[in-house]
Amino acid sequence: MGQMTSLQALKIDTNRMSGTVPTEFAGMVSIQSFSFSQNALTGTLPTQLGLLTTLRQLAVNGNMFAGTLPSEVGKLTALEDLEVHNNQLNGTLPTELGTLTAMTLLSLGMNAFTGTVPIGIFAMMTDLTMLSLHNNNLTGTLPSQLGAATSLQNVSVHGNAFVGTLPTEIGQLTALVFLDVSTNFFTGTVPKEWRRLEALESLISGNNRLTGTLHSELGQLTGLNFLWLNDNYLTGTIPKALGDMTWLWSIRLENNAFTGTIPTSMSGWVTVGDFLFSGNNLTGSVNHILCTGALKWNTLQSDCLVARNDDIDSAEIECQCCTTCCNAAGEDCQAM
């Protein structure tokens, strides 16, 4: 293999290859694409990868590689596509990743990486379109320098242990289409600066520790299909501006501390199929808002379960079209 000095692409995906990657591949000095994804390869990623300076794509995802991501990867300055997701890699992310300024796709999810994301790692990745760090054991804050990667369209950092506030600088990513920061320990509010994300179609931020009220500027994200803010500590009333999101398919606000009533502006929705708002402190009838018009609900869930209280039937929410009703605590949910 090491004698293939003119080979430019080696693709052996989705087979049943096992064993380790031989170090002799370092002799393939002209290689541009190296893809061994979806096999059963084991061992560590060889440090000799750093010798393949012509490499533009490295895809070894879907194997059983362990150990760390070699810092020598930082020598691959022509690299555009790095896919090592769905392995058993561990340790910290090498700061040398920041030298990969040609990067367009960086997929490190579904491993066991620990520690913080190195500060400045994204500062020069102006061509990066996809970033996946999801389902690792990363800690610390999400670097504000992420806002410098202005070509980003897809960001997935869910399923880690990130803390601190959501970076306002993400609002600079005007090409962003998909953002998933769920299942971490983020605190604070949803930044007002995120109203600039006019291309955004999915905002997934459930299962964090977000607090405060939802600002009305969120309604400027009129292209959203998915808005999931469930299982946080959000308070105040639900903004009327959410009714301006005419392309919504799914909205999840359950298990927060919202008060007041469902805004009448939501009667203008035409595409929503899922709306979950149980487990809040909302009251009143939604029959004239959500149970009329052309909406056909896949899931409409509220605190509409009738409770017997001093021989008087009562529920927090009156909803004749809900598919699932929960009690006043958002529990004991039952299909209707």
C-alpha atoms as a PDB file:
ATOM      1  CA  MET A   1       0.000   0.000   0.000  1.00  0.00           C
ATOM      2  CA  GLY A   2       2.806   2.377   0.790  1.00  0.00           C
ATOM      3  CA  GLN A   3       4.126   2.035  -2.764  1.00  0.00           C
ATOM      4  CA  MET A   4       0.994   3.593  -4.277  1.00  0.00           C
ATOM      5  CA  THR A   5       2.617   6.988  -4.497  1.00  0.00           C
ATOM      6  CA  SER A   6       0.311   8.251  -7.249  1.00  0.00           C
ATOM      7  CA  LEU A   7      -2.975   7.101  -5.680  1.00  0.00           C
ATOM      8  CA  GLN A   8      -5.341  10.021  -5.085  1.00  0.00           C
ATOM      9  CA  ALA A   9      -8.413   8.313  -3.619  1.00  0.00           C
ATOM     10  CA  LEU A  10      -8.931   5.209  -1.496  1.00  0.00           C
ATOM     11  CA  LYS A  11     -12.522   4.385  -0.591  1.00  0.00           C
ATOM     12  CA  ILE A  12     -13.406   1.155   1.207  1.00  0.00           C
ATOM     13  CA  ASP A  13     -16.648   2.123   2.959  1.00  0.00           C
ATOM     14  CA  THR A  14     -19.367  -0.138   4.342  1.00  0.00           C
ATOM     15  CA  ASN A  15     -17.608  -3.465   4.317  1.00  0.00           C
ATOM     16  CA  ARG A  16     -16.669  -5.861   7.102  1.00  0.00           C
ATOM     17  CA  MET A  17     -13.063  -4.821   7.467  1.00  0.00           C
ATOM     18  CA  SER A  18     -11.531  -5.428  10.868  1.00  0.00           C
ATOM     19  CA  GLY A  19      -8.139  -5.014  12.435  1.00  0.00           C
ATOM     20  CA  THR A  20      -6.059  -1.848  12.519  1.00  0.00           C
ATOM     21  CA  VAL A  21      -5.025   0.688   9.902  1.00  0.00           C
ATOM     22  CA  PRO A  22      -1.503  -0.187   8.658  1.00  0.00           C
ATOM     23  CA  THR A  23       1.076   2.564   9.040  1.00  0.00           C
ATOM     24  CA  GLU A  24       2.415   1.818   5.556  1.00  0.00           C
ATOM     25  CA  PHE A  25      -0.318   4.006   4.096  1.00  0.00           C
ATOM     26  CA  ALA A  26       1.920   6.958   4.951  1.00  0.00           C
ATOM     27  CA  GLY A  27       3.729   6.288   1.682  1.00  0.00           C
ATOM     28  CA  MET A  28       0.666   7.367  -0.322  1.00  0.00           C
ATOM     29  CA  VAL A  29       2.031  10.870  -0.702  1.00  0.00           C
ATOM     30  CA  SER A  30      -0.491  11.944  -3.374  1.00  0.00           C
ATOM     31  CA  ILE A  31      -3.637  10.773  -1.580  1.00  0.00           C
ATOM     32  CA  GLN A  32      -6.475  13.307  -1.418  1.00  0.00           C
ATOM     33  CA  SER A  33      -9.391  11.184  -0.226  1.00  0.00           C
ATOM     34  CA  PHE A  34      -9.022   8.485   2.445  1.00  0.00           C
ATOM     35  CA  SER A  35     -12.360   6.876   3.380  1.00  0.00           C
ATOM     36  CA  PHE A  36     -12.768   3.726   5.532  1.00  0.00           C
ATOM     37  CA  SER A  37     -16.152   4.552   7.096  1.00  0.00           C
ATOM     38  CA  GLN A  38     -18.708   1.999   8.337  1.00  0.00           C
ATOM     39  CA  ASN A  39     -16.432  -0.938   9.002  1.00  0.00           C
ATOM     40  CA  ALA A  40     -15.183  -2.651  12.175  1.00  0.00           C
ATOM     41  CA  LEU A  41     -11.692  -1.192  12.384  1.00  0.00           C
ATOM     42  CA  THR A  42     -10.091  -0.966  15.820  1.00  0.00           C
ATOM     43  CA  GLY A  43      -6.980   0.417  17.440  1.00  0.00           C
ATOM     44  CA  THR A  44      -5.912   4.033  17.391  1.00  0.00           C
ATOM     45  CA  LEU A  45      -5.725   6.577  14.596  1.00  0.00           C
ATOM     46  CA  PRO A  46      -2.052   6.523  13.490  1.00  0.00           C
ATOM     47  CA  THR A  47       0.019   9.642  14.024  1.00  0.00           C
ATOM     48  CA  GLN A  48       1.390   9.023  10.515  1.00  0.00           C
ATOM     49  CA  LEU A  49      -1.805  10.616   9.206  1.00  0.00           C
ATOM     50  CA  GLY A  50       0.049  13.890   9.574  1.00  0.00           C
ATOM     51  CA  LEU A  51       2.337  12.889   6.688  1.00  0.00           C
ATOM     52  CA  LEU A  52      -0.515  12.913   4.163  1.00  0.00           C
ATOM     53  CA  THR A  53      -0.288  16.635   3.504  1.00  0.00           C
ATOM     54  CA  THR A  54      -2.283  16.446   0.246  1.00  0.00           C
ATOM     55  CA  LEU A  55      -5.286  14.955   2.017  1.00  0.00           C
ATOM     56  CA  ARG A  56      -8.576  16.780   1.511  1.00  0.00           C
ATOM     57  CA  GLN A  57     -10.981  14.189   2.939  1.00  0.00           C
ATOM     58  CA  LEU A  58     -10.492  11.859   5.908  1.00  0.00           C
ATOM     59  CA  ALA A  59     -13.564   9.767   6.711  1.00  0.00           C
ATOM     60  CA  VAL A  60     -13.175   6.978   9.272  1.00  0.00           C
ATOM     61  CA  ASN A  61     -16.575   7.314  10.928  1.00  0.00           C
ATOM     62  CA  GLY A  62     -18.597   4.312  12.026  1.00  0.00           C
ATOM     63  CA  ASN A  63     -15.736   2.146  13.277  1.00  0.00           C
ATOM     64  CA  MET A  64     -14.393   1.261  16.726  1.00  0.00           C
ATOM     65  CA  PHE A  65     -11.311   3.451  16.870  1.00  0.00           C
ATOM     66  CA  ALA A  66     -10.214   4.338  20.398  1.00  0.00           C
ATOM     67  CA  GLY A  67      -7.580   6.621  21.849  1.00  0.00           C
ATOM     68  CA  THR A  68      -7.204  10.285  21.052  1.00  0.00           C
ATOM     69  CA  LEU A  69      -7.507  12.322  17.891  1.00  0.00           C
ATOM     70  CA  PRO A  70      -3.814  12.782  16.970  1.00  0.00           C
ATOM     71  CA  SER A  71      -2.533  16.341  17.113  1.00  0.00           C
ATOM     72  CA  GLU A  72      -0.677  15.540  13.883  1.00  0.00           C
ATOM     73  CA  VAL A  73      -4.013  16.015  12.102  1.00  0.00           C
ATOM     74  CA  GLY A  74      -3.223  19.713  12.401  1.00  0.00           C
ATOM     75  CA  LYS A  75      -0.543  19.277   9.729  1.00  0.00           C
ATOM     76  CA  LEU A  76      -3.183  18.448   7.113  1.00  0.00           C
ATOM     77  CA  THR A  77      -3.634  22.061   6.055  1.00  0.00           C
ATOM     78  CA  ALA A  78      -5.430  21.077   2.824  1.00  0.00           C
ATOM     79  CA  LEU A  79      -8.051  19.073   4.721  1.00  0.00           C
ATOM     80  CA  GLU A  80     -11.640  20.087   3.989  1.00  0.00           C
ATOM     81  CA  ASP A  81     -13.625  17.137   5.336  1.00  0.00           C
ATOM     82  CA  LEU A  82     -12.843  15.407   8.656  1.00  0.00           C
ATOM     83  CA  GLU A  83     -15.335  12.733   9.715  1.00  0.00           C
ATOM     84  CA  VAL A  84     -14.477  10.669  12.785  1.00  0.00           C
ATOM     85  CA  HIS A  85     -17.947  10.478  14.324  1.00  0.00           C
ATOM     86  CA  ASN A  86     -19.407   7.303  15.803  1.00  0.00           C
ATOM     87  CA  ASN A  87     -16.207   5.780  17.159  1.00  0.00           C
ATOM     88  CA  GLN A  88     -14.812   5.386  20.672  1.00  0.00           C
ATOM     89  CA  LEU A  89     -12.337   8.251  20.592  1.00  0.00           C
ATOM     90  CA  ASN A  90     -11.565   9.982  23.869  1.00  0.00           C
ATOM     91  CA  GLY A  91      -9.326  12.595  25.412  1.00  0.00           C
ATOM     92  CA  THR A  92      -9.375  16.291  24.641  1.00  0.00           C
ATOM     93  CA  LEU A  93      -9.737  17.969  21.277  1.00  0.00           C
ATOM     94  CA  PRO A  94      -6.318  19.017  19.956  1.00  0.00           C
ATOM     95  CA  THR A  95      -5.778  22.765  19.631  1.00  0.00           C
ATOM     96  CA  GLU A  96      -4.053  21.998  16.311  1.00  0.00           C
ATOM     97  CA  LEU A  97      -7.493  21.626  14.728  1.00  0.00           C
ATOM     98  CA  GLY A  98      -7.485  25.408  14.556  1.00  0.00           C
ATOM     99  CA  THR A  99      -4.859  25.301  11.800  1.00  0.00           C
ATOM    100  CA  LEU A 100      -7.269  23.553   9.404  1.00  0.00           C
ATOM    101  CA  THR A 101      -8.455  26.750   7.759  1.00  0.00           C
ATOM    102  CA  ALA A 102      -9.784  24.979   4.621  1.00  0.00           C
ATOM    103  CA  MET A 103     -12.233  22.920   6.640  1.00  0.00           C
ATOM    104  CA  THR A 104     -15.828  22.752   5.387  1.00  0.00           C
ATOM    105  CA  LEU A 105     -17.090  19.717   7.347  1.00  0.00           C
ATOM    106  CA  LEU A 106     -15.955  18.824  10.876  1.00  0.00           C
ATOM    107  CA  SER A 107     -17.787  15.848  12.347  1.00  0.00           C
ATOM    108  CA  LEU A 108     -16.578  14.661  15.775  1.00  0.00           C
ATOM    109  CA  GLY A 109     -19.867  13.542  17.331  1.00  0.00           C
ATOM    110  CA  MET A 110     -20.770  10.269  19.056  1.00  0.00           C
ATOM    111  CA  ASN A 111     -17.421   9.650  20.703  1.00  0.00           C
ATOM    112  CA  ALA A 112     -16.182  10.140  24.258  1.00  0.00           C
ATOM    113  CA  PHE A 113     -14.199  13.371  23.933  1.00  0.00           C
ATOM    114  CA  THR A 114     -13.726  15.254  27.191  1.00  0.00           C
ATOM    115  CA  GLY A 115     -12.518  18.650  28.321  1.00  0.00           C
ATOM    116  CA  THR A 116     -13.274  22.017  26.809  1.00  0.00           C
ATOM    117  CA  VAL A 117     -13.414  23.120  23.194  1.00  0.00           C
ATOM    118  CA  PRO A 118     -10.111  24.977  22.602  1.00  0.00           C
ATOM    119  CA  ILE A 119     -10.571  28.745  22.415  1.00  0.00           C
ATOM    120  CA  GLY A 120      -9.999  30.093  18.937  1.00  0.00           C
ATOM    121  CA  ILE A 121     -10.356  26.733  17.214  1.00  0.00           C
ATOM    122  CA  PHE A 122     -12.986  28.145  14.818  1.00  0.00           C
ATOM    123  CA  ALA A 123     -11.533  31.617  14.369  1.00  0.00           C
ATOM    124  CA  MET A 124     -10.081  30.927  10.898  1.00  0.00           C
ATOM    125  CA  MET A 125     -12.579  28.317   9.679  1.00  0.00           C
ATOM    126  CA  THR A 126     -14.480  30.776   7.514  1.00  0.00           C
ATOM    127  CA  ASP A 127     -15.489  28.056   5.004  1.00  0.00           C
ATOM    128  CA  LEU A 128     -16.861  25.638   7.607  1.00  0.00           C
ATOM    129  CA  THR A 129     -20.463  24.709   6.791  1.00  0.00           C
ATOM    130  CA  MET A 130     -21.109  21.781   9.166  1.00  0.00           C
ATOM    131  CA  LEU A 131     -19.972  21.302  12.768  1.00  0.00           C
ATOM    132  CA  SER A 132     -20.920  18.227  14.783  1.00  0.00           C
ATOM    133  CA  LEU A 133     -19.750  17.797  18.372  1.00  0.00           C
ATOM    134  CA  HIS A 134     -22.862  16.044  19.647  1.00  0.00           C
ATOM    135  CA  ASN A 135     -22.989  13.179  22.140  1.00  0.00           C
ATOM    136  CA  ASN A 136     -19.575  13.509  23.717  1.00  0.00           C
ATOM    137  CA  ASN A 137     -18.550  14.482  27.242  1.00  0.00           C
ATOM    138  CA  LEU A 138     -17.382  18.009  26.455  1.00  0.00           C
ATOM    139  CA  THR A 139     -17.497  20.582  29.232  1.00  0.00           C
ATOM    140  CA  GLY A 140     -16.939  24.304  29.715  1.00  0.00           C
ATOM    141  CA  THR A 141     -18.512  27.002  27.609  1.00  0.00           C
ATOM    142  CA  LEU A 142     -19.222  27.071  23.906  1.00  0.00           C
ATOM    143  CA  PRO A 143     -16.539  29.410  22.484  1.00  0.00           C
ATOM    144  CA  SER A 144     -17.805  32.788  21.298  1.00  0.00           C
ATOM    145  CA  GLN A 145     -15.340  32.514  18.383  1.00  0.00           C
ATOM    146  CA  LEU A 146     -17.847  30.157  16.800  1.00  0.00           C
ATOM    147  CA  GLY A 147     -19.402  33.325  15.440  1.00  0.00           C
ATOM    148  CA  ALA A 148     -16.365  33.792  13.176  1.00  0.00           C
ATOM    149  CA  ALA A 149     -17.245  30.672  11.148  1.00  0.00           C
ATOM    150  CA  THR A 150     -19.742  32.666   9.118  1.00  0.00           C
ATOM    151  CA  SER A 151     -20.387  29.967   6.499  1.00  0.00           C
ATOM    152  CA  LEU A 152     -21.879  27.559   9.035  1.00  0.00           C
ATOM    153  CA  GLN A 153     -25.204  26.044   8.059  1.00  0.00           C
ATOM    154  CA  ASN A 154     -25.473  23.145  10.512  1.00  0.00           C
ATOM    155  CA  VAL A 155     -24.331  23.127  14.171  1.00  0.00           C
ATOM    156  CA  SER A 156     -24.975  20.160  16.482  1.00  0.00           C
ATOM    157  CA  VAL A 157     -23.520  20.291  19.995  1.00  0.00           C
ATOM    158  CA  HIS A 158     -26.310  18.491  21.854  1.00  0.00           C
ATOM    159  CA  GLY A 159     -25.726  15.759  24.402  1.00  0.00           C
ATOM    160  CA  ASN A 160     -22.663  17.200  26.157  1.00  0.00           C
ATOM    161  CA  ALA A 161     -22.125  18.990  29.463  1.00  0.00           C
ATOM    162  CA  PHE A 162     -21.631  22.553  28.223  1.00  0.00           C
ATOM    163  CA  VAL A 163     -22.331  25.308  30.748  1.00  0.00           C
ATOM    164  CA  GLY A 164     -22.613  29.080  30.705  1.00  0.00           C
ATOM    165  CA  THR A 165     -24.786  31.204  28.476  1.00  0.00           C
ATOM    166  CA  LEU A 166     -25.587  30.663  24.827  1.00  0.00           C
ATOM    167  CA  PRO A 167     -23.126  32.759  22.796  1.00  0.00           C
ATOM    168  CA  THR A 168     -24.661  35.919  21.369  1.00  0.00           C
ATOM    169  CA  GLU A 169     -22.091  35.647  18.559  1.00  0.00           C
ATOM    170  CA  ILE A 170     -24.068  32.779  17.039  1.00  0.00           C
ATOM    171  CA  GLY A 171     -26.327  35.565  15.796  1.00  0.00           C
ATOM    172  CA  GLN A 172     -23.581  36.377  13.255  1.00  0.00           C
ATOM    173  CA  LEU A 173     -24.103  33.027  11.497  1.00  0.00           C
ATOM    174  CA  THR A 174     -26.647  34.337   9.024  1.00  0.00           C
ATOM    175  CA  ALA A 175     -26.355  31.227   6.805  1.00  0.00           C
ATOM    176  CA  LEU A 176     -27.294  28.915   9.689  1.00  0.00           C
ATOM    177  CA  VAL A 177     -30.153  26.523   8.915  1.00  0.00           C
ATOM    178  CA  PHE A 178     -29.950  23.988  11.772  1.00  0.00           C
ATOM    179  CA  LEU A 179     -28.900  24.637  15.394  1.00  0.00           C
ATOM    180  CA  ASP A 180     -29.124  22.003  18.143  1.00  0.00           C
ATOM    181  CA  VAL A 181     -27.764  22.951  21.572  1.00  0.00           C
ATOM    182  CA  SER A 182     -30.124  20.708  23.548  1.00  0.00           C
ATOM    183  CA  THR A 183     -29.343  18.420  26.490  1.00  0.00           C
ATOM    184  CA  ASN A 184     -26.571  20.466  28.050  1.00  0.00           C
ATOM    185  CA  PHE A 185     -26.450  22.773  31.069  1.00  0.00           C
ATOM    186  CA  PHE A 186     -26.748  26.142  29.344  1.00  0.00           C
ATOM    187  CA  THR A 187     -28.151  28.950  31.484  1.00  0.00           C
ATOM    188  CA  GLY A 188     -29.442  32.446  30.859  1.00  0.00           C
ATOM    189  CA  THR A 189     -31.845  33.467  28.130  1.00  0.00           C
ATOM    190  CA  VAL A 190     -32.180  32.809  24.411  1.00  0.00           C
ATOM    191  CA  PRO A 191     -30.072  35.722  23.055  1.00  0.00           C
ATOM    192  CA  LYS A 192     -31.916  38.527  21.294  1.00  0.00           C
ATOM    193  CA  GLU A 193     -29.077  38.595  18.775  1.00  0.00           C
ATOM    194  CA  TRP A 194     -30.314  35.287  17.380  1.00  0.00           C
ATOM    195  CA  ARG A 195     -33.141  37.184  15.676  1.00  0.00           C
ATOM    196  CA  ARG A 196     -30.646  37.784  12.837  1.00  0.00           C
ATOM    197  CA  LEU A 197     -30.668  34.089  11.901  1.00  0.00           C
ATOM    198  CA  GLU A 198     -33.092  34.629   9.056  1.00  0.00           C
ATOM    199  CA  ALA A 199     -32.156  31.344   7.313  1.00  0.00           C
ATOM    200  CA  LEU A 200     -32.741  29.263  10.451  1.00  0.00           C
ATOM    201  CA  GLU A 201     -35.219  26.402  10.065  1.00  0.00           C
ATOM    202  CA  SER A 202     -34.554  24.408  13.268  1.00  0.00           C
ATOM    203  CA  LEU A 203     -33.804  25.802  16.727  1.00  0.00           C
ATOM    204  CA  ILE A 204     -33.462  22.956  19.228  1.00  0.00           C
ATOM    205  CA  SER A 205     -32.613  24.083  22.758  1.00  0.00           C
ATOM    206  CA  GLY A 206     -34.565  21.779  25.042  1.00  0.00           C
ATOM    207  CA  ASN A 207     -33.275  20.082  28.195  1.00  0.00           C
ATOM    208  CA  ASN A 208     -31.058  22.885  29.435  1.00  0.00           C
ATOM    209  CA  ARG A 209     -31.334  25.340  32.325  1.00  0.00           C
ATOM    210  CA  LEU A 210     -32.461  28.401  30.410  1.00  0.00           C
ATOM    211  CA  THR A 211     -34.290  31.085  32.379  1.00  0.00           C
ATOM    212  CA  GLY A 212     -35.974  34.428  31.794  1.00  0.00           C
ATOM    213  CA  THR A 213     -38.620  35.339  29.277  1.00  0.00           C
ATOM    214  CA  LEU A 214     -38.843  34.738  25.552  1.00  0.00           C
ATOM    215  CA  HIS A 215     -38.274  38.027  23.728  1.00  0.00           C
ATOM    216  CA  SER A 216     -40.718  39.043  21.037  1.00  0.00           C
ATOM    217  CA  GLU A 217     -37.845  39.367  18.524  1.00  0.00           C
ATOM    218  CA  LEU A 218     -37.875  35.576  18.293  1.00  0.00           C
ATOM    219  CA  GLY A 219     -40.910  36.024  16.087  1.00  0.00           C
ATOM    220  CA  GLN A 220     -38.629  37.472  13.389  1.00  0.00           C
ATOM    221  CA  LEU A 221     -37.431  33.924  12.670  1.00  0.00           C
ATOM    222  CA  THR A 222     -40.355  33.419  10.328  1.00  0.00           C
ATOM    223  CA  GLY A 223     -38.660  30.565   8.448  1.00  0.00           C
ATOM    224  CA  LEU A 224     -38.505  28.255  11.470  1.00  0.00           C
ATOM    225  CA  ASN A 225     -39.928  24.757  11.050  1.00  0.00           C
ATOM    226  CA  PHE A 226     -38.866  23.423  14.466  1.00  0.00           C
ATOM    227  CA  LEU A 227     -38.768  25.435  17.715  1.00  0.00           C
ATOM    228  CA  TRP A 228     -37.998  23.233  20.694  1.00  0.00           C
ATOM    229  CA  LEU A 229     -37.450  25.004  24.044  1.00  0.00           C
ATOM    230  CA  ASN A 230     -38.911  22.298  26.258  1.00  0.00           C
ATOM    231  CA  ASP A 231     -37.650  21.279  29.714  1.00  0.00           C
ATOM    232  CA  ASN A 232     -36.070  24.544  30.783  1.00  0.00           C
ATOM    233  CA  TYR A 233     -37.012  27.191  33.360  1.00  0.00           C
ATOM    234  CA  LEU A 234     -38.453  29.833  31.040  1.00  0.00           C
ATOM    235  CA  THR A 235     -40.968  32.231  32.567  1.00  0.00           C
ATOM    236  CA  GLY A 236     -43.350  35.007  31.599  1.00  0.00           C
ATOM    237  CA  THR A 237     -45.962  34.903  28.884  1.00  0.00           C
ATOM    238  CA  ILE A 238     -45.649  33.266  25.485  1.00  0.00           C
ATOM    239  CA  PRO A 239     -44.940  36.068  22.966  1.00  0.00           C
ATOM    240  CA  LYS A 240     -47.707  36.903  20.516  1.00  0.00           C
ATOM    241  CA  ALA A 241     -44.992  37.110  17.844  1.00  0.00           C
ATOM    242  CA  LEU A 242     -44.749  33.305  17.757  1.00  0.00           C
ATOM    243  CA  GLY A 243     -47.982  33.414  15.808  1.00  0.00           C
ATOM    244  CA  ASP A 244     -46.033  35.073  12.970  1.00  0.00           C
ATOM    245  CA  MET A 245     -44.027  31.867  12.416  1.00  0.00           C
ATOM    246  CA  THR A 246     -46.238  30.656   9.613  1.00  0.00           C
ATOM    247  CA  TRP A 247     -43.888  27.842   8.518  1.00  0.00           C
ATOM    248  CA  LEU A 248     -43.713  26.091  11.893  1.00  0.00           C
ATOM    249  CA  TRP A 249     -44.196  22.337  11.863  1.00  0.00           C
ATOM    250  CA  SER A 250     -43.319  21.543  15.464  1.00  0.00           C
ATOM    251  CA  ILE A 251     -43.145  23.714  18.590  1.00  0.00           C
ATOM    252  CA  ARG A 252     -42.293  22.360  22.026  1.00  0.00           C
ATOM    253  CA  LEU A 253     -42.626  24.579  25.095  1.00  0.00           C
ATOM    254  CA  GLU A 254     -43.555  21.919  27.650  1.00  0.00           C
ATOM    255  CA  ASN A 255     -42.117  21.716  31.162  1.00  0.00           C
ATOM    256  CA  ASN A 256     -41.221  25.359  31.701  1.00  0.00           C
ATOM    257  CA  ALA A 257     -42.858  28.005  33.888  1.00  0.00           C
ATOM    258  CA  PHE A 258     -44.801  30.048  31.348  1.00  0.00           C
ATOM    259  CA  THR A 259     -47.834  31.917  32.669  1.00  0.00           C
ATOM    260  CA  GLY A 260     -50.912  33.536  31.161  1.00  0.00           C
ATOM    261  CA  THR A 261     -52.827  32.215  28.192  1.00  0.00           C
ATOM    262  CA  ILE A 262     -52.074  30.938  24.698  1.00  0.00           C
ATOM    263  CA  PRO A 263     -51.860  33.974  22.360  1.00  0.00           C
ATOM    264  CA  THR A 264     -54.761  34.336  19.945  1.00  0.00           C
ATOM    265  CA  SER A 265     -52.208  35.065  17.204  1.00  0.00           C
ATOM    266  CA  MET A 266     -51.519  31.322  17.052  1.00  0.00           C
ATOM    267  CA  SER A 267     -54.882  30.874  15.360  1.00  0.00           C
ATOM    268  CA  GLY A 268     -53.068  31.983  12.193  1.00  0.00           C
ATOM    269  CA  TRP A 269     -50.891  28.880  12.091  1.00  0.00           C
ATOM    270  CA  VAL A 270     -51.523  26.672   9.053  1.00  0.00           C
ATOM    271  CA  THR A 271     -48.652  24.150   8.996  1.00  0.00           C
ATOM    272  CA  VAL A 272     -48.107  23.229  12.667  1.00  0.00           C
ATOM    273  CA  GLY A 273     -48.667  19.560  13.410  1.00  0.00           C
ATOM    274  CA  ASP A 274     -47.089  19.307  16.881  1.00  0.00           C
ATOM    275  CA  PHE A 275     -47.556  21.757  19.756  1.00  0.00           C
ATOM    276  CA  LEU A 276     -46.655  20.668  23.284  1.00  0.00           C
ATOM    277  CA  PHE A 277     -47.202  23.169  26.096  1.00  0.00           C
ATOM    278  CA  SER A 278     -48.028  21.007  29.114  1.00  0.00           C
ATOM    279  CA  GLY A 279     -46.227  21.378  32.429  1.00  0.00           C
ATOM    280  CA  ASN A 280     -46.458  25.174  32.614  1.00  0.00           C
ATOM    281  CA  ASN A 281     -48.690  27.589  34.526  1.00  0.00           C
ATOM    282  CA  LEU A 282     -50.914  28.400  31.575  1.00  0.00           C
ATOM    283  CA  THR A 283     -54.678  28.659  31.888  1.00  0.00           C
ATOM    284  CA  GLY A 284     -57.781  29.304  29.821  1.00  0.00           C
ATOM    285  CA  SER A 285     -59.480  27.873  26.778  1.00  0.00           C
ATOM    286  CA  VAL A 286     -57.670  27.248  23.485  1.00  0.00           C
ATOM    287  CA  ASN A 287     -60.696  25.943  21.633  1.00  0.00           C
ATOM    288  CA  HIS A 288     -61.164  29.145  19.635  1.00  0.00           C
ATOM    289  CA  ILE A 289     -57.428  29.371  18.890  1.00  0.00           C
ATOM    290  CA  LEU A 290     -56.156  25.870  18.176  1.00  0.00           C
ATOM    291  CA  CYS A 291     -59.297  23.836  17.496  1.00  0.00           C
ATOM    292  CA  THR A 292     -60.577  25.737  14.489  1.00  0.00           C
ATOM    293  CA  GLY A 293     -59.276  26.288  10.975  1.00  0.00           C
ATOM    294  CA  ALA A 294     -57.321  23.876   8.833  1.00  0.00           C
ATOM    295  CA  LEU A 295     -54.868  22.567  11.447  1.00  0.00           C
ATOM    296  CA  LYS A 296     -54.634  18.789  11.751  1.00  0.00           C
ATOM    297  CA  TRP A 297     -52.773  17.861  14.901  1.00  0.00           C
ATOM    298  CA  ASN A 298     -50.356  14.968  15.183  1.00  0.00           C
ATOM    299  CA  THR A 299     -49.649  15.965  18.792  1.00  0.00           C
ATOM    300  CA  LEU A 300     -51.399  18.718  20.725  1.00  0.00           C
ATOM    301  CA  GLN A 301     -50.505  18.342  24.383  1.00  0.00           C
ATOM    302  CA  SER A 302     -51.583  20.548  27.280  1.00  0.00           C
ATOM    303  CA  ASP A 303     -52.636  20.439  30.916  1.00  0.00           C
ATOM    304  CA  CYS A 304     -56.197  19.632  29.926  1.00  0.00           C
ATOM    305  CA  LEU A 305     -56.699  16.517  32.040  1.00  0.00           C
ATOM    306  CA  VAL A 306     -59.850  17.001  34.056  1.00  0.00           C
ATOM    307  CA  ALA A 307     -59.273  16.644  37.798  1.00  0.00           C
ATOM    308  CA  ARG A 308     -62.017  16.024  40.382  1.00  0.00           C
ATOM    309  CA  ASN A 309     -61.748  18.795  42.985  1.00  0.00           C
ATOM    310  CA  ASP A 310     -64.527  19.119  45.546  1.00  0.00           C
ATOM    311  CA  ASP A 311     -66.920  17.464  43.101  1.00  0.00           C
ATOM    312  CA  ILE A 312     -66.131  20.081  40.453  1.00  0.00           C
ATOM    313  CA  ASP A 313     -64.530  19.001  37.189  1.00  0.00           C
ATOM    314  CA  SER A 314     -61.627  21.323  36.396  1.00  0.00           C
ATOM    315  CA  ALA A 315     -58.533  21.535  34.219  1.00  0.00           C
ATOM    316  CA  GLU A 316     -55.863  24.179  33.755  1.00  0.00           C
ATOM    317  CA  ILE A 317     -56.471  24.264  29.999  1.00  0.00           C
ATOM    318  CA  GLU A 318     -59.734  23.738  28.155  1.00  0.00           C
ATOM    319  CA  CYS A 319     -58.931  21.980  24.889  1.00  0.00           C
ATOM    320  CA  GLN A 320     -61.442  19.914  22.946  1.00  0.00           C
ATOM    321  CA  CYS A 321     -58.976  18.979  20.179  1.00  0.00           C
ATOM    322  CA  CYS A 322     -55.902  17.998  22.246  1.00  0.00           C
ATOM    323  CA  THR A 323     -54.493  14.593  21.441  1.00  0.00           C
ATOM    324  CA  THR A 324     -52.847  14.295  24.881  1.00  0.00           C
ATOM    325  CA  CYS A 325     -53.974  15.746  28.194  1.00  0.00           C
ATOM    326  CA  CYS A 326     -51.806  16.003  31.322  1.00  0.00           C
ATOM    327  CA  ASN A 327     -52.616  17.051  34.861  1.00  0.00           C
ATOM    328  CA  ALA A 328     -51.820  20.498  36.236  1.00  0.00           C
ATOM    329  CA  ALA A 329     -48.224  19.438  36.930  1.00  0.00           C
ATOM    330  CA  GLY A 330     -47.700  18.278  33.370  1.00  0.00           C
ATOM    331  CA  GLU A 331     -47.719  14.655  34.518  1.00  0.00           C
ATOM    332  CA  ASP A 332     -49.977  11.623  34.167  1.00  0.00           C
ATOM    333  CA  CYS A 333     -50.394  12.425  30.460  1.00  0.00           C
ATOM    334  CA  GLN A 334     -53.096  10.453  28.690  1.00  0.00           C
ATOM    335  CA  ALA A 335     -54.031  10.059  25.052  1.00  0.00           C
ATOM    336  CA  MET A 336     -57.457  11.454  24.272  1.00  0.00           C
END
